[in-house]
Amino acid sequence: MGVKMNLGENKKLYYSISEVAKMTDLEPYVLRFWEKEFSQLHPRKNRAGNRIYQEKDIQTVKTIKKLLYDEGYTIEGAKNALKRGYKGEDDIGFTKEQLIKLLLEIRGDLDELRKLFP
Protein backbone atom coordinates (compact mmCIF):
# COMPACT_ATOMS: atom_id res chain seq x y z
CA MET A 1 0.00 0.00 0.00
CA GLY A 2 1.75 3.14 -1.22
CA VAL A 3 1.13 6.73 -0.29
CA LYS A 4 0.08 9.01 -3.13
CA MET A 5 1.10 12.64 -2.97
CA ASN A 6 -0.62 15.27 -5.04
CA LEU A 7 2.17 17.68 -5.80
CA GLY A 8 0.36 19.47 -8.62
CA GLU A 9 2.71 21.09 -11.07
CA ASN A 10 6.40 20.46 -10.75
CA LYS A 11 7.46 24.03 -10.10
CA LYS A 12 11.09 24.92 -10.21
CA LEU A 13 12.77 27.42 -7.95
CA TYR A 14 14.56 29.15 -10.81
CA TYR A 15 13.83 29.66 -14.50
CA SER A 16 16.10 30.81 -17.31
CA ILE A 17 15.28 33.88 -19.39
CA SER A 18 14.35 31.64 -22.33
CA GLU A 19 11.92 29.65 -20.17
CA VAL A 20 10.31 32.85 -18.89
CA ALA A 21 10.14 34.25 -22.42
CA LYS A 22 8.37 31.11 -23.60
CA MET A 23 5.88 30.98 -20.71
CA THR A 24 4.98 34.69 -21.06
CA ASP A 25 5.06 34.78 -24.86
CA LEU A 26 7.68 37.53 -24.87
CA GLU A 27 11.09 37.81 -26.46
CA PRO A 28 14.16 37.66 -24.17
CA TYR A 29 15.26 41.15 -25.32
CA VAL A 30 11.93 42.51 -24.03
CA LEU A 31 12.59 40.97 -20.61
CA ARG A 32 16.10 42.46 -20.54
CA PHE A 33 14.69 45.87 -21.53
CA TRP A 34 11.99 45.72 -18.85
CA GLU A 35 14.64 44.80 -16.30
CA LYS A 36 16.33 48.15 -17.04
CA GLU A 37 13.06 50.10 -17.03
CA PHE A 38 11.27 48.63 -14.00
CA SER A 39 13.01 48.62 -10.65
CA GLN A 40 10.55 45.98 -9.43
CA LEU A 41 11.97 43.46 -11.90
CA HIS A 42 15.39 42.31 -10.84
CA PRO A 43 16.11 38.63 -11.41
CA ARG A 44 19.21 37.32 -9.73
CA LYS A 45 22.15 35.99 -11.68
CA ASN A 46 23.86 32.66 -11.20
CA ARG A 47 27.62 32.10 -11.01
CA ALA A 48 27.85 32.07 -14.81
CA GLY A 49 26.12 35.46 -14.94
CA ASN A 50 22.88 34.14 -16.41
CA ARG A 51 19.59 35.58 -15.21
CA ILE A 52 17.58 33.27 -12.98
CA TYR A 53 13.93 34.17 -12.49
CA GLN A 54 11.97 33.17 -9.43
CA GLU A 55 8.18 32.91 -9.26
CA LYS A 56 7.89 36.49 -7.94
CA ASP A 57 9.89 37.76 -10.93
CA ILE A 58 7.59 35.89 -13.31
CA GLN A 59 4.54 37.41 -11.63
CA THR A 60 6.10 40.87 -12.04
CA VAL A 61 6.70 40.17 -15.74
CA LYS A 62 3.07 39.08 -16.14
CA THR A 63 1.84 42.22 -14.36
CA ILE A 64 4.01 44.49 -16.54
CA LYS A 65 2.80 42.71 -19.66
CA LYS A 66 -0.84 43.11 -18.56
CA LEU A 67 -0.35 46.81 -17.86
CA LEU A 68 1.39 47.52 -21.16
CA TYR A 69 -0.33 45.16 -23.58
CA ASP A 70 -3.82 44.59 -22.17
CA GLU A 71 -4.56 47.81 -20.31
CA GLY A 72 -2.71 50.20 -22.62
CA TYR A 73 -0.45 51.85 -20.06
CA THR A 74 2.66 53.66 -21.22
CA ILE A 75 5.94 52.56 -19.67
CA GLU A 76 5.83 55.60 -17.35
CA GLY A 77 2.22 54.84 -16.43
CA ALA A 78 3.06 51.21 -15.75
CA LYS A 79 6.00 52.27 -13.57
CA ASN A 80 3.70 54.55 -11.58
CA ALA A 81 1.06 51.84 -11.23
CA LEU A 82 3.65 49.39 -9.89
CA LYS A 83 5.06 51.99 -7.49
CA ARG A 84 1.52 52.63 -6.29
CA GLY A 85 1.15 48.94 -5.57
CA TYR A 86 -0.94 47.86 -8.55
CA LYS A 87 -2.85 44.73 -7.63
CA GLY A 88 -4.49 43.70 -10.90
CA GLU A 89 -8.05 43.84 -12.12
CA ASP A 90 -9.42 45.34 -8.91
CA ASP A 91 -7.04 48.30 -9.21
CA ILE A 92 -8.97 51.12 -10.87
CA GLY A 93 -6.00 53.44 -11.28
CA PHE A 94 -7.01 56.21 -8.86
CA THR A 95 -5.87 57.12 -5.39
CA LYS A 96 -8.61 57.47 -2.79
CA GLU A 97 -8.27 61.26 -2.88
CA GLN A 98 -8.51 61.37 -6.69
CA LEU A 99 -11.58 59.16 -6.62
CA ILE A 100 -13.33 61.34 -4.02
CA LYS A 101 -12.59 64.46 -6.06
CA LEU A 102 -13.92 62.82 -9.23
CA LEU A 103 -17.09 61.64 -7.49
CA LEU A 104 -17.72 65.12 -6.08
CA GLU A 105 -17.34 66.60 -9.57
CA ILE A 106 -19.79 64.06 -10.97
CA ARG A 107 -22.23 64.83 -8.16
CA GLY A 108 -22.01 68.54 -8.99
CA ASP A 109 -22.63 67.83 -12.67
CA LEU A 110 -25.65 65.68 -11.81
CA ASP A 111 -27.06 68.42 -9.56
CA GLU A 112 -26.79 70.89 -12.44
CA LEU A 113 -28.48 68.46 -14.84
CA ARG A 114 -31.31 67.94 -12.37
CA LYS A 115 -31.93 71.72 -12.34
CA LEU A 116 -32.26 71.68 -16.15
CA PHE A 117 -34.91 68.96 -16.09
CA PRO A 118 -37.38 69.74 -13.26
C-alpha atoms as a PDB file:
ATOM      1  CA  MET A   1       0.000   0.000   0.000  1.00  0.00           C
ATOM      2  CA  GLY A   2       1.752   3.137  -1.221  1.00  0.00           C
ATOM      3  CA  VAL A   3       1.125   6.733  -0.295  1.00  0.00           C
ATOM      4  CA  LYS A   4       0.085   9.014  -3.130  1.00  0.00           C
ATOM      5  CA  MET A   5       1.095  12.638  -2.973  1.00  0.00           C
ATOM      6  CA  ASN A   6      -0.623  15.267  -5.044  1.00  0.00           C
ATOM      7  CA  LEU A   7       2.168  17.682  -5.801  1.00  0.00           C
ATOM      8  CA  GLY A   8       0.357  19.474  -8.621  1.00  0.00           C
ATOM      9  CA  GLU A   9       2.712  21.095 -11.072  1.00  0.00           C
ATOM     10  CA  ASN A  10       6.399  20.464 -10.755  1.00  0.00           C
ATOM     11  CA  LYS A  11       7.460  24.030 -10.099  1.00  0.00           C
ATOM     12  CA  LYS A  12      11.091  24.924 -10.213  1.00  0.00           C
ATOM     13  CA  LEU A  13      12.771  27.425  -7.954  1.00  0.00           C
ATOM     14  CA  TYR A  14      14.565  29.155 -10.814  1.00  0.00           C
ATOM     15  CA  TYR A  15      13.835  29.656 -14.499  1.00  0.00           C
ATOM     16  CA  SER A  16      16.101  30.814 -17.308  1.00  0.00           C
ATOM     17  CA  ILE A  17      15.282  33.878 -19.390  1.00  0.00           C
ATOM     18  CA  SER A  18      14.355  31.640 -22.334  1.00  0.00           C
ATOM     19  CA  GLU A  19      11.924  29.645 -20.172  1.00  0.00           C
ATOM     20  CA  VAL A  20      10.308  32.848 -18.890  1.00  0.00           C
ATOM     21  CA  ALA A  21      10.140  34.248 -22.420  1.00  0.00           C
ATOM     22  CA  LYS A  22       8.369  31.109 -23.603  1.00  0.00           C
ATOM     23  CA  MET A  23       5.879  30.982 -20.707  1.00  0.00           C
ATOM     24  CA  THR A  24       4.985  34.691 -21.056  1.00  0.00           C
ATOM     25  CA  ASP A  25       5.056  34.776 -24.864  1.00  0.00           C
ATOM     26  CA  LEU A  26       7.680  37.533 -24.866  1.00  0.00           C
ATOM     27  CA  GLU A  27      11.091  37.812 -26.457  1.00  0.00           C
ATOM     28  CA  PRO A  28      14.163  37.661 -24.172  1.00  0.00           C
ATOM     29  CA  TYR A  29      15.263  41.146 -25.318  1.00  0.00           C
ATOM     30  CA  VAL A  30      11.930  42.509 -24.031  1.00  0.00           C
ATOM     31  CA  LEU A  31      12.589  40.974 -20.614  1.00  0.00           C
ATOM     32  CA  ARG A  32      16.096  42.461 -20.544  1.00  0.00           C
ATOM     33  CA  PHE A  33      14.689  45.871 -21.534  1.00  0.00           C
ATOM     34  CA  TRP A  34      11.995  45.724 -18.854  1.00  0.00           C
ATOM     35  CA  GLU A  35      14.640  44.804 -16.301  1.00  0.00           C
ATOM     36  CA  LYS A  36      16.333  48.145 -17.043  1.00  0.00           C
ATOM     37  CA  GLU A  37      13.065  50.095 -17.033  1.00  0.00           C
ATOM     38  CA  PHE A  38      11.266  48.630 -14.001  1.00  0.00           C
ATOM     39  CA  SER A  39      13.006  48.623 -10.647  1.00  0.00           C
ATOM     40  CA  GLN A  40      10.548  45.975  -9.431  1.00  0.00           C
ATOM     41  CA  LEU A  41      11.966  43.456 -11.902  1.00  0.00           C
ATOM     42  CA  HIS A  42      15.393  42.311 -10.841  1.00  0.00           C
ATOM     43  CA  PRO A  43      16.112  38.625 -11.413  1.00  0.00           C
ATOM     44  CA  ARG A  44      19.214  37.318  -9.729  1.00  0.00           C
ATOM     45  CA  LYS A  45      22.154  35.991 -11.679  1.00  0.00           C
ATOM     46  CA  ASN A  46      23.859  32.655 -11.201  1.00  0.00           C
ATOM     47  CA  ARG A  47      27.621  32.098 -11.010  1.00  0.00           C
ATOM     48  CA  ALA A  48      27.845  32.068 -14.808  1.00  0.00           C
ATOM     49  CA  GLY A  49      26.122  35.459 -14.936  1.00  0.00           C
ATOM     50  CA  ASN A  50      22.877  34.140 -16.411  1.00  0.00           C
ATOM     51  CA  ARG A  51      19.588  35.578 -15.210  1.00  0.00           C
ATOM     52  CA  ILE A  52      17.578  33.271 -12.981  1.00  0.00           C
ATOM     53  CA  TYR A  53      13.934  34.173 -12.491  1.00  0.00           C
ATOM     54  CA  GLN A  54      11.971  33.171  -9.428  1.00  0.00           C
ATOM     55  CA  GLU A  55       8.183  32.906  -9.260  1.00  0.00           C
ATOM     56  CA  LYS A  56       7.890  36.490  -7.939  1.00  0.00           C
ATOM     57  CA  ASP A  57       9.889  37.758 -10.927  1.00  0.00           C
ATOM     58  CA  ILE A  58       7.590  35.894 -13.310  1.00  0.00           C
ATOM     59  CA  GLN A  59       4.537  37.406 -11.633  1.00  0.00           C
ATOM     60  CA  THR A  60       6.097  40.865 -12.036  1.00  0.00           C
ATOM     61  CA  VAL A  61       6.696  40.170 -15.736  1.00  0.00           C
ATOM     62  CA  LYS A  62       3.069  39.082 -16.142  1.00  0.00           C
ATOM     63  CA  THR A  63       1.842  42.218 -14.360  1.00  0.00           C
ATOM     64  CA  ILE A  64       4.006  44.488 -16.537  1.00  0.00           C
ATOM     65  CA  LYS A  65       2.798  42.708 -19.659  1.00  0.00           C
ATOM     66  CA  LYS A  66      -0.838  43.108 -18.563  1.00  0.00           C
ATOM     67  CA  LEU A  67      -0.352  46.815 -17.865  1.00  0.00           C
ATOM     68  CA  LEU A  68       1.391  47.518 -21.160  1.00  0.00           C
ATOM     69  CA  TYR A  69      -0.325  45.165 -23.581  1.00  0.00           C
ATOM     70  CA  ASP A  70      -3.816  44.593 -22.168  1.00  0.00           C
ATOM     71  CA  GLU A  71      -4.560  47.812 -20.312  1.00  0.00           C
ATOM     72  CA  GLY A  72      -2.712  50.203 -22.622  1.00  0.00           C
ATOM     73  CA  TYR A  73      -0.452  51.851 -20.063  1.00  0.00           C
ATOM     74  CA  THR A  74       2.657  53.662 -21.223  1.00  0.00           C
ATOM     75  CA  ILE A  75       5.943  52.564 -19.674  1.00  0.00           C
ATOM     76  CA  GLU A  76       5.826  55.604 -17.351  1.00  0.00           C
ATOM     77  CA  GLY A  77       2.219  54.838 -16.435  1.00  0.00           C
ATOM     78  CA  ALA A  78       3.063  51.210 -15.745  1.00  0.00           C
ATOM     79  CA  LYS A  79       6.002  52.271 -13.569  1.00  0.00           C
ATOM     80  CA  ASN A  80       3.703  54.551 -11.578  1.00  0.00           C
ATOM     81  CA  ALA A  81       1.062  51.843 -11.227  1.00  0.00           C
ATOM     82  CA  LEU A  82       3.654  49.391  -9.893  1.00  0.00           C
ATOM     83  CA  LYS A  83       5.059  51.988  -7.487  1.00  0.00           C
ATOM     84  CA  ARG A  84       1.518  52.628  -6.288  1.00  0.00           C
ATOM     85  CA  GLY A  85       1.154  48.937  -5.570  1.00  0.00           C
ATOM     86  CA  TYR A  86      -0.937  47.859  -8.552  1.00  0.00           C
ATOM     87  CA  LYS A  87      -2.848  44.726  -7.632  1.00  0.00           C
ATOM     88  CA  GLY A  88      -4.490  43.699 -10.897  1.00  0.00           C
ATOM     89  CA  GLU A  89      -8.054  43.843 -12.123  1.00  0.00           C
ATOM     90  CA  ASP A  90      -9.421  45.338  -8.912  1.00  0.00           C
ATOM     91  CA  ASP A  91      -7.038  48.298  -9.207  1.00  0.00           C
ATOM     92  CA  ILE A  92      -8.966  51.124 -10.869  1.00  0.00           C
ATOM     93  CA  GLY A  93      -6.000  53.444 -11.283  1.00  0.00           C
ATOM     94  CA  PHE A  94      -7.006  56.211  -8.861  1.00  0.00           C
ATOM     95  CA  THR A  95      -5.868  57.124  -5.392  1.00  0.00           C
ATOM     96  CA  LYS A  96      -8.609  57.470  -2.788  1.00  0.00           C
ATOM     97  CA  GLU A  97      -8.272  61.264  -2.881  1.00  0.00           C
ATOM     98  CA  GLN A  98      -8.509  61.366  -6.690  1.00  0.00           C
ATOM     99  CA  LEU A  99     -11.584  59.162  -6.623  1.00  0.00           C
ATOM    100  CA  ILE A 100     -13.332  61.335  -4.025  1.00  0.00           C
ATOM    101  CA  LYS A 101     -12.592  64.463  -6.059  1.00  0.00           C
ATOM    102  CA  LEU A 102     -13.915  62.823  -9.227  1.00  0.00           C
ATOM    103  CA  LEU A 103     -17.089  61.638  -7.494  1.00  0.00           C
ATOM    104  CA  LEU A 104     -17.720  65.116  -6.083  1.00  0.00           C
ATOM    105  CA  GLU A 105     -17.338  66.599  -9.572  1.00  0.00           C
ATOM    106  CA  ILE A 106     -19.794  64.057 -10.973  1.00  0.00           C
ATOM    107  CA  ARG A 107     -22.230  64.834  -8.165  1.00  0.00           C
ATOM    108  CA  GLY A 108     -22.009  68.541  -8.994  1.00  0.00           C
ATOM    109  CA  ASP A 109     -22.628  67.825 -12.674  1.00  0.00           C
ATOM    110  CA  LEU A 110     -25.652  65.676 -11.815  1.00  0.00           C
ATOM    111  CA  ASP A 111     -27.065  68.416  -9.558  1.00  0.00           C
ATOM    112  CA  GLU A 112     -26.791  70.891 -12.445  1.00  0.00           C
ATOM    113  CA  LEU A 113     -28.484  68.461 -14.838  1.00  0.00           C
ATOM    114  CA  ARG A 114     -31.310  67.938 -12.371  1.00  0.00           C
ATOM    115  CA  LYS A 115     -31.934  71.719 -12.339  1.00  0.00           C
ATOM    116  CA  LEU A 116     -32.256  71.683 -16.147  1.00  0.00           C
ATOM    117  CA  PHE A 117     -34.915  68.956 -16.086  1.00  0.00           C
ATOM    118  CA  PRO A 118     -37.384  69.736 -13.265  1.00  0.00           C
END
